[in-house]
Amino acid sequence: MMKVLFLCTGNSCRSIMAEALFNHLAPEGWDAESAGSQPKGRIHPRALAVLSEEGVPVKGLSSKSWNLLPGPFDLVVTLCDSAAGEACPLFLSKAPRVHWGLPDPDAVRGDDRVTLEAFRQTFRILEKRIAAFLERPETKEGRLPSLPDLRAIGRLVSET
């Protein structure tokens, strides 16, 4: 059993998508949560749309503060650069922390096709990283990969 926390400052796009994807792909009994230091209090509609079109359940997702989380966590993954630089609450300090930075898809400007594609690209990268994490031999045994291996996973990108 493993419990992972995905952090982004606003907890409305990337971390929400990572939480939903992890819970969809991970073995039964494993769990992911997402949160933010300054949550927007809403999930971006395009994040929900992409998750739904990919068949990932969205029921129960919410934008929330990291101060409301039930710990402890086995791993904390930051997804935005601002969250990576923030000091986590004390109860998160015992978990290893790794940064899997991604551009904010909500910052992309253009017509609906362009902005929706930014969310799809974020989804594909998160899917590749989470799948790579879950396929690691250590992870399959219920242990965390080494920090260098976790950082390498955070550099994986989608080819499409």
Protein backbone atom coordinates (compact mmCIF):
# COMPACT_ATOMS: atom_id res chain seq x y z
CA MET A 1 0.00 0.00 0.00
CA MET A 2 1.30 3.43 -0.91
CA LYS A 3 -0.04 6.93 -0.39
CA VAL A 4 1.11 9.73 -2.72
CA LEU A 5 0.42 13.46 -2.54
CA PHE A 6 0.49 15.63 -5.68
CA LEU A 7 0.95 19.34 -5.00
CA CYS A 8 0.35 22.43 -7.10
CA THR A 9 -0.19 25.90 -5.71
CA GLY A 10 -3.76 26.29 -7.07
CA ASN A 11 -4.80 22.59 -7.06
CA SER A 12 -7.11 23.05 -10.05
CA CYS A 13 -5.39 21.38 -13.05
CA ARG A 14 -2.13 19.41 -12.90
CA SER A 15 -2.34 18.02 -9.37
CA ILE A 16 -6.02 17.13 -9.78
CA MET A 17 -5.26 15.28 -13.02
CA ALA A 18 -2.35 13.46 -11.35
CA GLU A 19 -4.52 12.41 -8.39
CA ALA A 20 -7.25 11.05 -10.66
CA LEU A 21 -4.78 9.28 -12.97
CA PHE A 22 -2.82 7.68 -10.14
CA ASN A 23 -5.99 6.40 -8.48
CA HIS A 24 -7.18 5.05 -11.85
CA LEU A 25 -3.91 3.26 -12.68
CA ALA A 26 -2.59 2.17 -9.27
CA PRO A 27 -3.24 -1.17 -7.62
CA GLU A 28 -6.22 -1.49 -5.31
CA GLY A 29 -5.49 -0.11 -1.86
CA TRP A 30 -3.04 2.51 -3.12
CA ASP A 31 -4.16 6.11 -2.87
CA ALA A 32 -3.29 9.54 -4.18
CA GLU A 33 -4.47 12.90 -2.94
CA SER A 34 -3.88 16.34 -4.36
CA ALA A 35 -3.79 19.72 -2.70
CA GLY A 36 -2.45 23.24 -2.96
CA SER A 37 -0.95 25.89 -0.74
CA GLN A 38 -3.40 28.43 -2.20
CA PRO A 39 -6.17 26.29 -3.72
CA LYS A 40 -8.51 27.94 -6.19
CA GLY A 41 -11.45 26.04 -4.72
CA ARG A 42 -12.57 24.77 -8.12
CA ILE A 43 -11.33 22.30 -10.69
CA HIS A 44 -10.66 23.67 -14.15
CA PRO A 45 -13.44 22.46 -16.51
CA ARG A 46 -10.90 21.45 -19.17
CA ALA A 47 -9.08 19.21 -16.69
CA LEU A 48 -12.36 17.47 -15.93
CA ALA A 49 -13.19 17.23 -19.64
CA VAL A 50 -9.87 15.60 -20.54
CA LEU A 51 -10.06 13.15 -17.63
CA SER A 52 -13.59 12.19 -18.65
CA GLU A 53 -12.74 11.76 -22.34
CA GLU A 54 -9.87 9.46 -21.30
CA GLY A 55 -12.16 7.34 -19.12
CA VAL A 56 -10.65 8.44 -15.81
CA PRO A 57 -13.23 8.80 -13.02
CA VAL A 58 -13.69 12.34 -11.70
CA LYS A 59 -16.20 11.68 -8.93
CA GLY A 60 -15.02 12.97 -5.56
CA LEU A 61 -12.28 15.25 -6.90
CA SER A 62 -12.00 18.64 -5.22
CA SER A 63 -9.60 21.55 -4.98
CA LYS A 64 -8.36 21.71 -1.41
CA SER A 65 -5.71 23.11 0.88
CA TRP A 66 -2.79 21.00 1.97
CA ASN A 67 -3.72 21.99 5.54
CA LEU A 68 -6.83 19.79 5.30
CA LEU A 69 -5.07 16.56 4.36
CA PRO A 70 -5.03 13.36 6.31
CA GLY A 71 -1.40 12.30 6.41
CA PRO A 72 1.02 10.68 6.45
CA PHE A 73 2.20 10.25 2.87
CA ASP A 74 4.86 7.97 1.45
CA LEU A 75 5.79 10.42 -1.32
CA VAL A 76 5.12 14.08 -2.10
CA VAL A 77 5.30 15.11 -5.78
CA THR A 78 5.25 18.80 -6.72
CA LEU A 79 4.05 19.62 -10.23
CA CYS A 80 4.43 23.38 -10.46
CA ASP A 81 7.58 25.39 -9.87
CA SER A 82 6.02 27.64 -7.24
CA ALA A 83 4.88 24.65 -5.14
CA ALA A 84 8.34 23.12 -5.47
CA GLY A 85 9.84 26.18 -3.79
CA GLU A 86 7.35 26.39 -0.94
CA ALA A 87 7.97 25.00 2.51
CA CYS A 88 5.56 22.14 3.10
CA PRO A 89 3.58 21.91 6.31
CA LEU A 90 5.47 20.10 9.05
CA PHE A 91 3.36 16.92 8.80
CA LEU A 92 4.61 16.43 5.22
CA SER A 93 8.29 16.81 6.13
CA LYS A 94 8.95 13.09 6.69
CA ALA A 95 7.90 12.01 3.21
CA PRO A 96 10.44 12.10 0.37
CA ARG A 97 9.72 15.01 -1.97
CA VAL A 98 10.35 15.08 -5.71
CA HIS A 99 9.56 17.66 -8.40
CA TRP A 100 7.89 16.57 -11.66
CA GLY A 101 7.45 20.07 -13.07
CA LEU A 102 4.96 20.77 -15.85
CA PRO A 103 3.85 24.00 -17.52
CA ASP A 104 0.45 25.24 -16.40
CA PRO A 105 -2.05 24.29 -19.14
CA ASP A 106 -4.34 27.08 -17.92
CA ALA A 107 -1.66 29.61 -18.91
CA VAL A 108 -1.88 28.63 -22.60
CA ARG A 109 -3.73 31.22 -24.66
CA GLY A 110 -5.54 30.63 -27.91
CA ASP A 111 -8.81 29.27 -29.21
CA ASP A 112 -10.62 26.32 -27.58
CA ARG A 113 -8.73 23.77 -29.69
CA VAL A 114 -5.34 25.13 -28.61
CA THR A 115 -6.19 25.38 -24.92
CA LEU A 116 -7.82 21.95 -24.80
CA GLU A 117 -4.73 20.45 -26.48
CA ALA A 118 -2.57 21.94 -23.68
CA PHE A 119 -4.63 20.00 -21.14
CA ARG A 120 -4.42 16.84 -23.24
CA GLN A 121 -0.63 17.18 -23.43
CA THR A 122 -0.45 17.60 -19.65
CA PHE A 123 -2.57 14.47 -19.27
CA ARG A 124 -0.31 12.45 -21.59
CA ILE A 125 2.85 13.49 -19.72
CA LEU A 126 1.32 12.72 -16.33
CA GLU A 127 0.08 9.37 -17.64
CA LYS A 128 3.57 8.47 -18.87
CA ARG A 129 5.22 9.49 -15.59
CA ILE A 130 2.71 7.75 -13.34
CA ALA A 131 2.81 4.58 -15.45
CA ALA A 132 6.63 4.61 -15.32
CA PHE A 133 6.49 5.02 -11.53
CA LEU A 134 4.02 2.14 -11.16
CA GLU A 135 6.09 -0.12 -13.45
CA ARG A 136 9.30 0.25 -11.44
CA PRO A 137 10.30 -3.04 -9.78
CA GLU A 138 10.63 -1.31 -6.39
CA THR A 139 7.17 0.20 -6.69
CA LYS A 140 5.65 -3.16 -7.57
CA GLU A 141 7.15 -4.48 -4.33
CA GLY A 142 5.58 -1.61 -2.37
CA ARG A 143 8.81 0.38 -1.98
CA LEU A 144 9.79 3.75 -3.38
CA PRO A 145 12.39 3.97 -6.13
CA SER A 146 15.53 5.94 -5.28
CA LEU A 147 15.35 9.74 -5.44
CA PRO A 148 17.51 9.83 -8.61
CA ASP A 149 15.10 7.37 -10.26
CA LEU A 150 12.09 9.40 -9.10
CA ARG A 151 13.68 12.56 -10.52
CA ALA A 152 14.32 10.77 -13.83
CA ILE A 153 10.64 9.84 -14.02
CA GLY A 154 9.87 13.55 -13.62
CA ARG A 155 11.81 14.29 -16.79
CA LEU A 156 9.77 11.92 -18.97
CA VAL A 157 7.68 13.63 -21.61
CA SER A 158 5.11 12.44 -24.10
CA GLU A 159 6.19 11.83 -27.68
CA THR A 160 2.78 12.80 -29.06
